[in-house]
Protein backbone atom coordinates (compact mmCIF):
# COMPACT_ATOMS: atom_id res chain seq x y z
CA MET A 1 14.26 -22.07 11.80
CA ALA A 2 11.25 -20.61 13.57
CA LYS A 3 8.42 -19.27 11.49
CA TYR A 4 6.91 -16.00 12.55
CA ARG A 5 3.30 -15.34 11.90
CA ARG A 6 2.54 -11.78 10.98
CA SER A 7 -0.22 -10.32 13.11
CA PRO A 8 -3.13 -8.85 11.22
CA PRO A 9 -3.00 -5.05 11.19
CA ALA A 10 -4.92 -3.32 13.94
CA PRO A 11 -8.27 -2.02 12.75
CA GLN A 12 -8.50 1.70 12.03
CA ALA A 13 -11.55 3.94 12.05
CA VAL A 14 -12.30 7.56 11.28
CA ALA A 15 -15.56 9.35 12.04
CA LEU A 16 -16.59 12.37 10.01
CA ALA A 17 -19.22 14.98 10.74
CA TYR A 18 -20.75 17.25 8.14
CA ARG A 19 -23.18 20.13 8.52
CA ASP A 20 -25.00 21.94 5.74
CA GLY A 21 -23.43 25.28 5.01
CA VAL A 22 -19.96 24.17 6.09
CA ASN A 23 -17.28 23.80 3.42
CA ALA A 24 -16.10 20.29 4.27
CA PRO A 25 -16.61 17.45 6.72
CA ARG A 26 -14.47 17.35 9.86
CA VAL A 27 -12.64 14.44 11.41
CA VAL A 28 -14.39 14.12 14.78
CA ALA A 29 -12.88 10.82 15.96
CA LYS A 30 -10.14 8.48 14.82
CA GLY A 31 -8.15 5.64 16.24
CA ARG A 32 -6.54 2.24 15.92
CA GLY A 33 -7.14 -1.05 17.67
CA LEU A 34 -9.52 -0.86 20.61
CA MET A 35 -10.26 2.82 19.92
CA ALA A 36 -11.26 1.96 16.33
CA GLU A 37 -13.48 -0.86 17.54
CA THR A 38 -15.15 1.54 20.00
CA ILE A 39 -15.75 4.16 17.28
CA ILE A 40 -17.34 1.53 15.02
CA GLU A 41 -19.45 0.07 17.82
CA LYS A 42 -20.75 3.50 18.89
CA ALA A 43 -21.58 4.39 15.29
CA ARG A 44 -23.52 1.18 14.75
CA ASP A 45 -25.32 1.57 18.09
CA ALA A 46 -26.38 5.07 16.99
CA GLY A 47 -27.59 3.78 13.62
CA VAL A 48 -24.79 5.53 11.73
CA TYR A 49 -23.70 3.88 8.49
CA VAL A 50 -20.21 2.32 8.73
CA HIS A 51 -18.35 2.12 5.42
CA GLU A 52 -15.23 -0.01 5.06
CA SER A 53 -12.53 1.42 2.82
CA PRO A 54 -9.00 0.80 4.12
CA GLU A 55 -7.50 3.12 1.49
CA LEU A 56 -9.73 6.05 2.38
CA VAL A 57 -9.36 5.43 6.13
CA ALA A 58 -5.56 5.38 5.80
CA LEU A 59 -5.66 8.83 4.20
CA LEU A 60 -8.20 10.21 6.66
CA MET A 61 -6.05 8.99 9.57
CA GLN A 62 -3.47 11.58 8.44
CA VAL A 63 -5.93 14.44 9.01
CA ASP A 64 -5.68 16.05 12.43
CA LEU A 65 -8.58 15.59 14.81
CA ASP A 66 -11.24 18.32 14.56
CA GLN A 67 -9.91 19.50 11.20
CA HIS A 68 -11.73 19.66 7.87
CA ILE A 69 -10.78 17.05 5.32
CA PRO A 70 -8.36 18.37 2.69
CA PRO A 71 -9.57 19.26 -0.82
CA GLU A 72 -7.77 16.21 -2.23
CA LEU A 73 -10.33 13.99 -0.49
CA TYR A 74 -13.46 16.02 -1.31
CA ARG A 75 -14.49 13.85 -4.26
CA ALA A 76 -14.12 10.52 -2.46
CA VAL A 77 -15.95 11.76 0.63
CA ALA A 78 -18.65 13.45 -1.49
CA GLU A 79 -19.29 10.14 -3.28
CA LEU A 80 -19.58 8.40 0.07
CA LEU A 81 -21.95 11.06 1.45
CA ALA A 82 -24.11 10.83 -1.68
CA PHE A 83 -24.31 7.06 -1.25
CA ILE A 84 -25.35 7.47 2.39
CA HIS A 85 -27.93 10.07 1.35
CA PHE A 86 -29.51 7.51 -1.01
CA LEU A 87 -29.48 4.81 1.68
CA GLU A 88 -31.21 7.09 4.17
CA ARG A 89 -33.99 7.72 1.67
CA GLY A 90 -34.44 4.04 0.84
CA ILE A 91 -33.02 4.42 -2.65
CA GLU A 92 -31.01 1.46 -3.89
CA ALA A 93 -27.43 2.49 -4.59
CA THR A 94 -24.05 0.91 -5.19
CA PRO A 95 -21.35 1.68 -2.61
CA PRO A 96 -18.59 3.88 -4.01
CA GLN A 97 -15.44 2.12 -5.15
CA PHE A 98 -12.31 4.15 -4.58
CA ASP A 99 -9.35 3.94 -6.94
CA LEU A 100 -6.31 3.27 -4.77
CA ALA A 101 -3.98 5.09 -7.17
CA GLU A 102 -6.28 8.10 -7.32
CA LEU A 103 -6.68 8.23 -3.54
CA GLY A 104 -2.96 7.69 -2.99
CA GLU A 105 -2.23 10.84 -4.96
CA ALA A 106 -4.18 12.84 -2.38
CA SER A 107 -1.89 11.92 0.53
CA PRO A 108 -3.01 14.70 2.88
CA SER A 109 -0.67 15.87 5.58
CA GLN A 110 -3.27 17.87 7.48
CA GLY A 111 -6.85 18.96 7.15
CA GLN A 112 -8.07 22.44 6.46
CA ASN A 113 -9.26 24.74 9.23
């Protein structure tokens, strides 16, 4: 009997943009495979922090492009933005750890306009 080797899942990436005075960050880019690799490469080239959280990315992939993240993800994204804020100011901080069960309850179908 032939053994089949399961291919590793294609990488996924989501890019968010946030402006002061706006209610929530927007999904400005997302993709799988080569598109994800390109998003990550461009972010790193631009000096943008790249955070790896498969659980959070899986939920953000469900948000339509150019839409605000849904309220269910505000807390997780706010924790991540606070962490990045500390990094940018040279303050030592621990990366946020997301509770898979808590994030799974969010399960957004679309972002907010």
